[in-house]
C-alpha atoms as a PDB file:
ATOM      1  CA  MET A   1     131.050 134.724  82.473  1.00  0.00           C
ATOM      2  CA  MET A   2     130.994 138.522  82.651  1.00  0.00           C
ATOM      3  CA  ASN A   3     133.832 140.332  80.965  1.00  0.00           C
ATOM      4  CA  THR A   4     136.422 141.062  83.667  1.00  0.00           C
ATOM      5  CA  ALA A   5     138.371 143.659  81.710  1.00  0.00           C
ATOM      6  CA  THR A   6     136.204 146.736  82.173  1.00  0.00           C
ATOM      7  CA  SER A   7     136.685 150.385  81.351  1.00  0.00           C
ATOM      8  CA  PHE A   8     134.624 153.387  82.379  1.00  0.00           C
ATOM      9  CA  ILE A   9     132.042 154.112  79.700  1.00  0.00           C
ATOM     10  CA  ARG A  10     131.656 157.727  78.601  1.00  0.00           C
ATOM     11  CA  VAL A  11     129.204 158.412  75.801  1.00  0.00           C
ATOM     12  CA  GLU A  12     130.870 161.730  74.993  1.00  0.00           C
ATOM     13  CA  ASP A  13     134.336 160.279  74.420  1.00  0.00           C
ATOM     14  CA  PRO A  14     135.785 161.553  71.101  1.00  0.00           C
ATOM     15  CA  VAL A  15     134.554 159.909  67.922  1.00  0.00           C
ATOM     16  CA  PRO A  16     137.480 158.679  65.801  1.00  0.00           C
ATOM     17  CA  ALA A  17     138.290 160.985  62.907  1.00  0.00           C
ATOM     18  CA  GLU A  18     137.921 158.130  60.439  1.00  0.00           C
ATOM     19  CA  VAL A  19     134.349 157.508  61.603  1.00  0.00           C
ATOM     20  CA  ILE A  20     133.416 161.169  61.132  1.00  0.00           C
ATOM     21  CA  GLU A  21     135.073 161.191  57.705  1.00  0.00           C
ATOM     22  CA  GLN A  22     133.209 158.036  56.705  1.00  0.00           C
ATOM     23  CA  ILE A  23     129.876 159.596  57.689  1.00  0.00           C
ATOM     24  CA  GLN A  24     130.667 162.813  55.844  1.00  0.00           C
ATOM     25  CA  ASN A  25     131.588 160.843  52.705  1.00  0.00           C
ATOM     26  CA  LEU A  26     128.310 158.915  52.560  1.00  0.00           C
ATOM     27  CA  ASP A  27     125.938 160.015  49.853  1.00  0.00           C
ATOM     28  CA  ASN A  28     122.469 161.008  51.006  1.00  0.00           C
ATOM     29  CA  ASP A  29     120.814 157.635  50.363  1.00  0.00           C
ATOM     30  CA  ALA A  30     123.640 155.766  52.102  1.00  0.00           C
ATOM     31  CA  LEU A  31     123.312 158.113  55.088  1.00  0.00           C
ATOM     32  CA  ILE A  32     119.601 157.300  55.297  1.00  0.00           C
ATOM     33  CA  ILE A  33     120.461 153.601  55.285  1.00  0.00           C
ATOM     34  CA  ARG A  34     122.982 154.115  58.086  1.00  0.00           C
ATOM     35  CA  LEU A  35     120.352 155.890  60.171  1.00  0.00           C
ATOM     36  CA  MET A  36     117.856 153.091  59.522  1.00  0.00           C
ATOM     37  CA  PHE A  37     120.421 150.426  60.403  1.00  0.00           C
ATOM     38  CA  THR A  38     120.611 151.806  63.950  1.00  0.00           C
ATOM     39  CA  ILE A  39     117.144 150.341  64.523  1.00  0.00           C
ATOM     40  CA  ASN A  40     118.416 146.977  63.279  1.00  0.00           C
ATOM     41  CA  HIS A  41     121.455 147.085  65.563  1.00  0.00           C
ATOM     42  CA  LEU A  42     119.281 147.752  68.606  1.00  0.00           C
ATOM     43  CA  SER A  43     116.908 144.949  67.698  1.00  0.00           C
ATOM     44  CA  ARG A  44     119.777 142.499  67.125  1.00  0.00           C
ATOM     45  CA  TRP A  45     121.386 143.324  70.464  1.00  0.00           C
ATOM     46  CA  LEU A  46     118.425 143.908  72.773  1.00  0.00           C
ATOM     47  CA  THR A  47     115.477 141.788  71.613  1.00  0.00           C
ATOM     48  CA  PRO A  48     117.109 138.450  72.633  1.00  0.00           C
ATOM     49  CA  ILE A  49     117.640 139.740  76.208  1.00  0.00           C
ATOM     50  CA  HIS A  50     114.370 138.847  77.924  1.00  0.00           C
ATOM     51  CA  ASP A  51     115.372 139.813  81.466  1.00  0.00           C
ATOM     52  CA  ASP A  52     114.931 143.602  81.545  1.00  0.00           C
ATOM     53  CA  ASP A  53     116.860 143.816  84.803  1.00  0.00           C
ATOM     54  CA  LYS A  54     120.004 142.995  82.823  1.00  0.00           C
ATOM     55  CA  LEU A  55     119.417 146.115  80.730  1.00  0.00           C
ATOM     56  CA  ASP A  56     119.087 148.331  83.769  1.00  0.00           C
ATOM     57  CA  ARG A  57     122.587 147.637  85.100  1.00  0.00           C
ATOM     58  CA  ALA A  58     125.757 149.693  84.959  1.00  0.00           C
ATOM     59  CA  VAL A  59     129.263 148.456  85.682  1.00  0.00           C
ATOM     60  CA  TYR A  60     130.239 151.572  87.633  1.00  0.00           C
ATOM     61  CA  ARG A  61     128.118 154.056  89.538  1.00  0.00           C
ATOM     62  CA  GLY A  62     127.218 157.015  87.345  1.00  0.00           C
ATOM     63  CA  GLU A  63     127.459 155.138  84.052  1.00  0.00           C
ATOM     64  CA  PRO A  64     124.411 154.940  81.787  1.00  0.00           C
ATOM     65  CA  THR A  65     122.535 151.651  81.631  1.00  0.00           C
ATOM     66  CA  ALA A  66     121.463 150.037  78.356  1.00  0.00           C
ATOM     67  CA  LYS A  67     117.927 151.275  78.986  1.00  0.00           C
ATOM     68  CA  GLU A  68     119.140 154.840  79.549  1.00  0.00           C
ATOM     69  CA  LEU A  69     121.155 154.723  76.330  1.00  0.00           C
ATOM     70  CA  VAL A  70     118.046 153.798  74.329  1.00  0.00           C
ATOM     71  CA  ILE A  71     116.246 156.757  75.920  1.00  0.00           C
ATOM     72  CA  ARG A  72     119.173 158.975  74.958  1.00  0.00           C
ATOM     73  CA  LEU A  73     118.842 157.940  71.301  1.00  0.00           C
ATOM     74  CA  ARG A  74     115.129 158.774  71.301  1.00  0.00           C
ATOM     75  CA  GLU A  75     115.576 162.125  73.018  1.00  0.00           C
ATOM     76  CA  TYR A  76     118.200 163.276  70.524  1.00  0.00           C
ATOM     77  CA  ASP A  77     115.923 162.347  67.627  1.00  0.00           C
ATOM     78  CA  GLU A  78     113.085 164.266  69.295  1.00  0.00           C
ATOM     79  CA  MET A  79     115.309 167.326  69.341  1.00  0.00           C
ATOM     80  CA  ILE A  80     116.533 167.018  65.742  1.00  0.00           C
ATOM     81  CA  TYR A  81     113.344 166.061  63.894  1.00  0.00           C
ATOM     82  CA  PRO A  82     111.328 169.269  64.472  1.00  0.00           C
ATOM     83  CA  ARG A  83     114.312 171.277  63.190  1.00  0.00           C
ATOM     84  CA  MET A  84     114.619 169.156  60.061  1.00  0.00           C
ATOM     85  CA  PHE A  85     110.895 169.351  59.373  1.00  0.00           C
ATOM     86  CA  LEU A  86     110.682 173.114  59.849  1.00  0.00           C
ATOM     87  CA  ILE A  87     113.646 173.711  57.542  1.00  0.00           C
ATOM     88  CA  SER A  88     112.099 171.445  54.893  1.00  0.00           C
ATOM     89  CA  GLN A  89     108.925 173.575  55.000  1.00  0.00           C
ATOM     90  CA  GLN A  90     110.499 177.000  55.580  1.00  0.00           C
ATOM     91  CA  PRO A  91     114.083 177.291  54.304  1.00  0.00           C
ATOM     92  CA  GLY A  92     116.021 179.729  56.475  1.00  0.00           C
ATOM     93  CA  ALA A  93     113.554 179.248  59.319  1.00  0.00           C
ATOM     94  CA  ASP A  94     114.204 180.609  62.803  1.00  0.00           C
ATOM     95  CA  LEU A  95     114.599 177.391  64.791  1.00  0.00           C
ATOM     96  CA  ASP A  96     114.276 179.226  68.105  1.00  0.00           C
ATOM     97  CA  VAL A  97     110.490 179.349  67.624  1.00  0.00           C
ATOM     98  CA  LEU A  98     110.334 175.604  68.269  1.00  0.00           C
ATOM     99  CA  ASP A  99     109.216 174.354  71.662  1.00  0.00           C
ATOM    100  CA  ASP A 100     111.825 172.693  73.816  1.00  0.00           C
ATOM    101  CA  PRO A 101     111.146 168.936  73.351  1.00  0.00           C
ATOM    102  CA  ARG A 102     112.191 168.323  76.952  1.00  0.00           C
ATOM    103  CA  LEU A 103     108.983 170.024  78.095  1.00  0.00           C
ATOM    104  CA  SER A 104     106.781 167.389  76.452  1.00  0.00           C
ATOM    105  CA  ARG A 105     108.867 164.299  77.284  1.00  0.00           C
ATOM    106  CA  PRO A 106     107.587 161.665  79.685  1.00  0.00           C
ATOM    107  CA  ASP A 107     108.700 161.938  83.280  1.00  0.00           C
ATOM    108  CA  VAL A 108     111.996 160.141  83.893  1.00  0.00           C
ATOM    109  CA  GLU A 109     110.303 157.700  86.244  1.00  0.00           C
ATOM    110  CA  PHE A 110     107.622 157.022  83.632  1.00  0.00           C
ATOM    111  CA  ASP A 111     110.355 156.039  81.164  1.00  0.00           C
ATOM    112  CA  ARG A 112     112.060 153.843  83.731  1.00  0.00           C
ATOM    113  CA  ARG A 113     108.848 151.904  84.413  1.00  0.00           C
ATOM    114  CA  ASP A 114     108.618 150.842  80.767  1.00  0.00           C
ATOM    115  CA  THR A 115     110.613 147.922  79.433  1.00  0.00           C
ATOM    116  CA  THR A 116     113.575 148.534  77.172  1.00  0.00           C
ATOM    117  CA  VAL A 117     111.693 146.895  74.294  1.00  0.00           C
ATOM    118  CA  VAL A 118     108.884 149.463  74.667  1.00  0.00           C
ATOM    119  CA  LEU A 119     111.426 152.292  74.766  1.00  0.00           C
ATOM    120  CA  MET A 120     113.120 150.864  71.692  1.00  0.00           C
ATOM    121  CA  ALA A 121     109.769 150.902  69.869  1.00  0.00           C
ATOM    122  CA  ARG A 122     109.373 154.608  70.673  1.00  0.00           C
ATOM    123  CA  PHE A 123     112.817 155.304  69.274  1.00  0.00           C
ATOM    124  CA  ARG A 124     111.979 153.266  66.183  1.00  0.00           C
ATOM    125  CA  ARG A 125     108.898 155.418  65.514  1.00  0.00           C
ATOM    126  CA  ILE A 126     110.735 158.739  65.668  1.00  0.00           C
ATOM    127  CA  ARG A 127     113.686 157.411  63.655  1.00  0.00           C
ATOM    128  CA  GLN A 128     111.369 156.072  60.954  1.00  0.00           C
ATOM    129  CA  THR A 129     109.664 159.466  60.845  1.00  0.00           C
ATOM    130  CA  ILE A 130     113.038 161.130  60.276  1.00  0.00           C
ATOM    131  CA  THR A 131     114.157 158.733  57.561  1.00  0.00           C
ATOM    132  CA  SER A 132     110.759 159.008  55.838  1.00  0.00           C
ATOM    133  CA  LEU A 133     111.203 162.787  55.710  1.00  0.00           C
ATOM    134  CA  LEU A 134     114.730 162.466  54.338  1.00  0.00           C
ATOM    135  CA  ARG A 135     113.605 160.029  51.632  1.00  0.00           C
ATOM    136  CA  THR A 136     111.081 162.571  50.341  1.00  0.00           C
ATOM    137  CA  LEU A 137     113.692 165.315  49.890  1.00  0.00           C
ATOM    138  CA  PRO A 138     115.541 165.886  46.617  1.00  0.00           C
ATOM    139  CA  ASP A 139     119.303 166.098  47.013  1.00  0.00           C
ATOM    140  CA  ASP A 140     119.417 169.883  46.726  1.00  0.00           C
ATOM    141  CA  ALA A 141     116.954 170.213  49.635  1.00  0.00           C
ATOM    142  CA  TRP A 142     119.510 168.601  51.947  1.00  0.00           C
ATOM    143  CA  ASP A 143     121.463 171.875  51.764  1.00  0.00           C
ATOM    144  CA  LEU A 144     118.548 173.939  53.120  1.00  0.00           C
ATOM    145  CA  ARG A 145     119.489 175.612  56.395  1.00  0.00           C
ATOM    146  CA  GLY A 146     117.870 176.948  59.533  1.00  0.00           C
ATOM    147  CA  ARG A 147     119.209 179.450  62.028  1.00  0.00           C
ATOM    148  CA  SER A 148     119.319 179.578  65.793  1.00  0.00           C
ATOM    149  CA  ARG A 149     120.879 181.797  68.415  1.00  0.00           C
ATOM    150  CA  LYS A 150     120.656 179.275  71.227  1.00  0.00           C
ATOM    151  CA  GLY A 151     120.496 175.728  69.862  1.00  0.00           C
ATOM    152  CA  ILE A 152     121.356 173.367  67.034  1.00  0.00           C
ATOM    153  CA  GLU A 153     121.390 174.982  63.614  1.00  0.00           C
ATOM    154  CA  GLY A 154     122.734 174.174  60.180  1.00  0.00           C
ATOM    155  CA  SER A 155     121.566 172.289  57.116  1.00  0.00           C
ATOM    156  CA  ILE A 156     119.374 169.221  56.921  1.00  0.00           C
ATOM    157  CA  ARG A 157     122.448 167.303  55.762  1.00  0.00           C
ATOM    158  CA  SER A 158     124.549 168.442  58.740  1.00  0.00           C
ATOM    159  CA  MET A 159     121.754 167.439  61.103  1.00  0.00           C
ATOM    160  CA  ALA A 160     121.521 163.994  59.503  1.00  0.00           C
ATOM    161  CA  GLU A 161     125.283 163.642  59.964  1.00  0.00           C
ATOM    162  CA  ALA A 162     124.907 164.758  63.590  1.00  0.00           C
ATOM    163  CA  LEU A 163     122.369 161.972  64.102  1.00  0.00           C
ATOM    164  CA  ALA A 164     124.790 159.395  62.680  1.00  0.00           C
ATOM    165  CA  ILE A 165     127.620 160.661  64.890  1.00  0.00           C
ATOM    166  CA  HIS A 166     125.360 160.603  67.953  1.00  0.00           C
ATOM    167  CA  ASP A 167     124.262 157.071  67.028  1.00  0.00           C
ATOM    168  CA  TYR A 168     127.907 156.014  66.960  1.00  0.00           C
ATOM    169  CA  ARG A 169     128.583 157.479  70.400  1.00  0.00           C
ATOM    170  CA  VAL A 170     125.559 155.803  71.974  1.00  0.00           C
ATOM    171  CA  LEU A 171     125.893 152.463  70.163  1.00  0.00           C
ATOM    172  CA  ARG A 172     129.580 152.301  71.095  1.00  0.00           C
ATOM    173  CA  ALA A 173     128.637 152.806  74.748  1.00  0.00           C
ATOM    174  CA  LEU A 174     125.778 150.297  74.469  1.00  0.00           C
ATOM    175  CA  ASP A 175     128.065 147.662  72.932  1.00  0.00           C
ATOM    176  CA  GLN A 176     130.511 148.090  75.824  1.00  0.00           C
ATOM    177  CA  THR A 177     127.748 148.131  78.431  1.00  0.00           C
ATOM    178  CA  LEU A 178     126.175 144.887  77.235  1.00  0.00           C
ATOM    179  CA  ASN A 179     129.583 143.200  77.268  1.00  0.00           C
ATOM    180  CA  GLN A 180     130.689 144.464  80.647  1.00  0.00           C
ATOM    181  CA  THR A 181     127.441 143.872  82.562  1.00  0.00           C
ATOM    182  CA  GLY A 182     127.155 140.276  81.344  1.00  0.00           C
ATOM    183  CA  ALA A 183     123.831 140.936  79.611  1.00  0.00           C
ATOM    184  CA  ARG A 184     125.014 138.940  76.580  1.00  0.00           C
ATOM    185  CA  VAL A 185     125.865 135.747  78.431  1.00  0.00           C
ATOM    186  CA  GLY A 186     124.328 132.780  76.615  1.00  0.00           C
ATOM    187  CA  LEU A 187     123.415 134.673  73.441  1.00  0.00           C
ATOM    188  CA  ALA A 188     124.337 133.483  69.964  1.00  0.00           C
ATOM    189  CA  GLU A 189     127.330 135.161  68.351  1.00  0.00           C
ATOM    190  CA  ILE A 190     125.146 136.827  65.716  1.00  0.00           C
ATOM    191  CA  GLN A 191     123.170 138.520  68.513  1.00  0.00           C
ATOM    192  CA  LYS A 192     126.274 140.157  69.967  1.00  0.00           C
ATOM    193  CA  ALA A 193     128.107 141.187  66.812  1.00  0.00           C
ATOM    194  CA  PRO A 194     130.321 144.189  67.684  1.00  0.00           C
ATOM    195  CA  LEU A 195     129.483 147.643  66.401  1.00  0.00           C
ATOM    196  CA  ASP A 196     132.546 147.968  64.176  1.00  0.00           C
ATOM    197  CA  GLU A 197     131.564 144.795  62.319  1.00  0.00           C
ATOM    198  CA  LEU A 198     127.944 145.903  61.902  1.00  0.00           C
ATOM    199  CA  LEU A 199     128.988 149.276  60.494  1.00  0.00           C
ATOM    200  CA  LYS A 200     130.792 147.496  57.669  1.00  0.00           C
ATOM    201  CA  LEU A 201     127.356 146.530  56.332  1.00  0.00           C
ATOM    202  CA  VAL A 202     126.522 150.171  55.545  1.00  0.00           C
ATOM    203  CA  PRO A 203     127.224 151.044  51.889  1.00  0.00           C
ATOM    204  CA  GLU A 204     129.125 154.238  51.147  1.00  0.00           C
ATOM    205  CA  HIS A 205     127.157 154.954  47.985  1.00  0.00           C
ATOM    206  CA  VAL A 206     123.740 153.842  46.788  1.00  0.00           C
ATOM    207  CA  ASP A 207     122.749 153.955  43.132  1.00  0.00           C
ATOM    208  CA  ILE A 208     118.965 153.919  42.784  1.00  0.00           C
ATOM    209  CA  SER A 209     118.896 155.188  39.206  1.00  0.00           C
ATOM    210  CA  GLU A 210     118.182 151.788  37.687  1.00  0.00           C
END
């Protein structure tokens, strides 16, 4: 049965201070793992749902659907990655020279025609590109910064943290959406593990010196 206790889902609701502090306290390798785990969370939650119509539902008018939330994850990565890459190649780079990624994105209707699994695969590709870049950087390179007068700026580390915070916002909304629309009815418990439990799997520190 669908969850009857529903609340309006807002992706931009405040992120708890303890979540932000936890992200900021992760060492670089642990932060990479957290970013990679987002792919695993999506796969765990969405792959068992074979009826795509269930992923294109919202409880209330104006709320994002599960499919739209996956698109939102991909679009944010498409905005962040070019900035990270440019800074890694040109420390202090002017980020305003970058093209607006919205100009090269697929038409909204084109995205909506694809299944959520296809959209998830597109997100996986851009997220793996980001984490591959981060794995190649020595720790001191994470402090390299770019500048912008009209968009996101900062260090590679701050942008990686911004990705993790954005992931939390979207995954929190996705977790609620799947519960409240009834998309999880009939799934095994492991396939609907709540976000807070999954985040406990992320290590705070990773020692790869051995």
